[in-house]
């Protein structure tokens, strides 16, 4: 005997709708992105005249958008005082949580 689904049973045809673990992974990725965005904005509080960068960070929609902004943000935090150094370190750690396979430090090496 074959079991046929009820015609009244809801079906989800949403792309990307999958197992509950898939949803959990998407939620975790979104939370990591939001956390990274906050890290960028916190770091930029220490940067004078960084209004344009703050606007770009707020407008970011994907983690890669923030990855592309990292160089100008680190340049804005170029001061050698302890506050700027601490912001740079926190931002590096945040980037490492979202982009663990990429060596963000290699971008700032001199040749």
C-alpha atoms as a PDB file:
ATOM      1  CA  UNK A   1       0.000   0.000   0.000  1.00  0.00           C
ATOM      2  CA  UNK A   2       1.411   3.379  -1.013  1.00  0.00           C
ATOM      3  CA  UNK A   3       1.113   6.376   1.244  1.00  0.00           C
ATOM      4  CA  UNK A   4       0.268   9.586  -0.580  1.00  0.00           C
ATOM      5  CA  UNK A   5       0.769  12.916   1.146  1.00  0.00           C
ATOM      6  CA  UNK A   6      -2.341  14.787   2.024  1.00  0.00           C
ATOM      7  CA  UNK A   7      -3.152  17.467  -0.553  1.00  0.00           C
ATOM      8  CA  UNK A   8      -3.726  19.806   2.383  1.00  0.00           C
ATOM      9  CA  UNK A   9      -0.277  19.274   3.891  1.00  0.00           C
ATOM     10  CA  UNK A  10       1.896  22.390   3.545  1.00  0.00           C
ATOM     11  CA  UNK A  11       4.974  22.025   1.397  1.00  0.00           C
ATOM     12  CA  UNK A  12       7.947  24.346   1.412  1.00  0.00           C
ATOM     13  CA  UNK A  13       9.456  25.113  -1.990  1.00  0.00           C
ATOM     14  CA  UNK A  14      11.594  27.986  -0.703  1.00  0.00           C
ATOM     15  CA  UNK A  15      15.112  27.814  -2.145  1.00  0.00           C
ATOM     16  CA  UNK A  16      17.545  26.982   0.592  1.00  0.00           C
ATOM     17  CA  UNK A  17      14.864  25.654   2.902  1.00  0.00           C
ATOM     18  CA  UNK A  18      16.294  22.406   4.098  1.00  0.00           C
ATOM     19  CA  UNK A  19      17.032  20.568   7.242  1.00  0.00           C
ATOM     20  CA  UNK A  20      16.822  22.359  10.576  1.00  0.00           C
ATOM     21  CA  UNK A  21      20.628  22.232  10.777  1.00  0.00           C
ATOM     22  CA  UNK A  22      20.821  24.201   7.528  1.00  0.00           C
ATOM     23  CA  UNK A  23      18.707  26.935   9.069  1.00  0.00           C
ATOM     24  CA  UNK A  24      20.870  26.896  12.172  1.00  0.00           C
ATOM     25  CA  UNK A  25      23.977  27.342  10.038  1.00  0.00           C
ATOM     26  CA  UNK A  26      22.397  30.287   8.218  1.00  0.00           C
ATOM     27  CA  UNK A  27      21.407  31.898  11.523  1.00  0.00           C
ATOM     28  CA  UNK A  28      24.919  31.402  12.911  1.00  0.00           C
ATOM     29  CA  UNK A  29      26.470  32.883   9.767  1.00  0.00           C
ATOM     30  CA  UNK A  30      24.154  35.877   9.975  1.00  0.00           C
ATOM     31  CA  UNK A  31      25.002  36.416  13.646  1.00  0.00           C
ATOM     32  CA  UNK A  32      28.717  36.257  12.842  1.00  0.00           C
ATOM     33  CA  UNK A  33      28.227  38.830  10.064  1.00  0.00           C
ATOM     34  CA  UNK A  34      26.323  41.177  12.374  1.00  0.00           C
ATOM     35  CA  UNK A  35      29.021  40.750  15.026  1.00  0.00           C
ATOM     36  CA  UNK A  36      31.709  41.581  12.477  1.00  0.00           C
ATOM     37  CA  UNK A  37      29.773  44.649  11.373  1.00  0.00           C
ATOM     38  CA  UNK A  38      29.614  45.820  15.002  1.00  0.00           C
ATOM     39  CA  UNK A  39      33.363  45.225  15.350  1.00  0.00           C
ATOM     40  CA  UNK A  40      34.017  47.431  12.316  1.00  0.00           C
ATOM     41  CA  UNK A  41      31.765  50.178  13.666  1.00  0.00           C
ATOM     42  CA  UNK A  42      33.320  49.976  17.140  1.00  0.00           C
ATOM     43  CA  UNK A  43      36.801  50.219  15.649  1.00  0.00           C
ATOM     44  CA  UNK A  44      35.814  53.198  13.518  1.00  0.00           C
ATOM     45  CA  UNK A  45      34.715  55.130  16.606  1.00  0.00           C
ATOM     46  CA  UNK A  46      38.419  55.659  17.278  1.00  0.00           C
ATOM     47  CA  UNK A  47      39.078  56.921  13.731  1.00  0.00           C
ATOM     48  CA  UNK A  48      38.718  60.643  13.116  1.00  0.00           C
ATOM     49  CA  UNK A  49      36.875  61.693   9.962  1.00  0.00           C
ATOM     50  CA  UNK A  50      35.703  58.162   9.141  1.00  0.00           C
ATOM     51  CA  UNK A  51      32.096  59.045   8.329  1.00  0.00           C
ATOM     52  CA  UNK A  52      32.333  57.657   4.789  1.00  0.00           C
ATOM     53  CA  UNK A  53      33.740  54.354   6.069  1.00  0.00           C
ATOM     54  CA  UNK A  54      31.049  54.078   8.737  1.00  0.00           C
ATOM     55  CA  UNK A  55      28.411  54.615   6.035  1.00  0.00           C
ATOM     56  CA  UNK A  56      29.985  51.865   3.888  1.00  0.00           C
ATOM     57  CA  UNK A  57      30.059  49.443   6.827  1.00  0.00           C
ATOM     58  CA  UNK A  58      26.411  50.136   7.637  1.00  0.00           C
ATOM     59  CA  UNK A  59      25.488  49.530   3.982  1.00  0.00           C
ATOM     60  CA  UNK A  60      27.350  46.189   3.836  1.00  0.00           C
ATOM     61  CA  UNK A  61      25.019  43.296   3.088  1.00  0.00           C
ATOM     62  CA  UNK A  62      27.466  40.385   2.946  1.00  0.00           C
ATOM     63  CA  UNK A  63      30.640  39.448   4.837  1.00  0.00           C
ATOM     64  CA  UNK A  64      32.677  39.953   1.656  1.00  0.00           C
ATOM     65  CA  UNK A  65      31.594  43.617   1.643  1.00  0.00           C
ATOM     66  CA  UNK A  66      33.327  44.040   4.993  1.00  0.00           C
ATOM     67  CA  UNK A  67      36.338  42.038   3.825  1.00  0.00           C
ATOM     68  CA  UNK A  68      36.787  44.528   0.992  1.00  0.00           C
ATOM     69  CA  UNK A  69      36.624  47.444   3.458  1.00  0.00           C
ATOM     70  CA  UNK A  70      39.262  46.047   5.810  1.00  0.00           C
ATOM     71  CA  UNK A  71      42.260  47.811   4.227  1.00  0.00           C
ATOM     72  CA  UNK A  72      40.767  51.331   4.365  1.00  0.00           C
ATOM     73  CA  UNK A  73      39.515  50.684   7.906  1.00  0.00           C
ATOM     74  CA  UNK A  74      42.940  49.523   9.077  1.00  0.00           C
ATOM     75  CA  UNK A  75      44.473  52.538   7.332  1.00  0.00           C
ATOM     76  CA  UNK A  76      42.063  54.795   9.232  1.00  0.00           C
ATOM     77  CA  UNK A  77      43.222  53.086  12.437  1.00  0.00           C
ATOM     78  CA  UNK A  78      46.862  53.671  11.555  1.00  0.00           C
ATOM     79  CA  UNK A  79      47.683  55.534  14.768  1.00  0.00           C
ATOM     80  CA  UNK A  80      50.286  54.002  17.013  1.00  0.00           C
ATOM     81  CA  UNK A  81      48.571  54.798  20.296  1.00  0.00           C
ATOM     82  CA  UNK A  82      47.290  51.957  22.479  1.00  0.00           C
ATOM     83  CA  UNK A  83      43.640  52.678  21.652  1.00  0.00           C
ATOM     84  CA  UNK A  84      44.131  52.336  17.880  1.00  0.00           C
ATOM     85  CA  UNK A  85      46.294  49.259  18.347  1.00  0.00           C
ATOM     86  CA  UNK A  86      43.632  47.620  20.529  1.00  0.00           C
ATOM     87  CA  UNK A  87      40.915  48.374  17.964  1.00  0.00           C
ATOM     88  CA  UNK A  88      43.054  46.868  15.185  1.00  0.00           C
ATOM     89  CA  UNK A  89      43.663  43.716  17.229  1.00  0.00           C
ATOM     90  CA  UNK A  90      39.961  43.274  18.031  1.00  0.00           C
ATOM     91  CA  UNK A  91      39.079  43.808  14.383  1.00  0.00           C
ATOM     92  CA  UNK A  92      41.669  41.211  13.300  1.00  0.00           C
ATOM     93  CA  UNK A  93      40.156  38.685  15.716  1.00  0.00           C
ATOM     94  CA  UNK A  94      36.650  39.420  14.429  1.00  0.00           C
ATOM     95  CA  UNK A  95      37.762  38.976  10.823  1.00  0.00           C
ATOM     96  CA  UNK A  96      39.371  35.667  11.773  1.00  0.00           C
ATOM     97  CA  UNK A  97      36.065  34.387  13.164  1.00  0.00           C
ATOM     98  CA  UNK A  98      34.224  35.025   9.883  1.00  0.00           C
ATOM     99  CA  UNK A  99      37.126  34.299   7.498  1.00  0.00           C
ATOM    100  CA  UNK A 100      39.098  31.615   9.379  1.00  0.00           C
ATOM    101  CA  UNK A 101      40.823  30.171   6.297  1.00  0.00           C
ATOM    102  CA  UNK A 102      42.199  33.493   5.122  1.00  0.00           C
ATOM    103  CA  UNK A 103      45.304  34.990   6.638  1.00  0.00           C
ATOM    104  CA  UNK A 104      44.146  38.580   7.046  1.00  0.00           C
ATOM    105  CA  UNK A 105      47.574  39.513   8.403  1.00  0.00           C
ATOM    106  CA  UNK A 106      49.279  38.774   5.102  1.00  0.00           C
ATOM    107  CA  UNK A 107      47.558  41.780   3.544  1.00  0.00           C
ATOM    108  CA  UNK A 108      49.556  44.145   5.706  1.00  0.00           C
ATOM    109  CA  UNK A 109      53.049  42.777   5.182  1.00  0.00           C
ATOM    110  CA  UNK A 110      55.660  44.930   3.536  1.00  0.00           C
ATOM    111  CA  UNK A 111      57.651  43.589   0.627  1.00  0.00           C
END
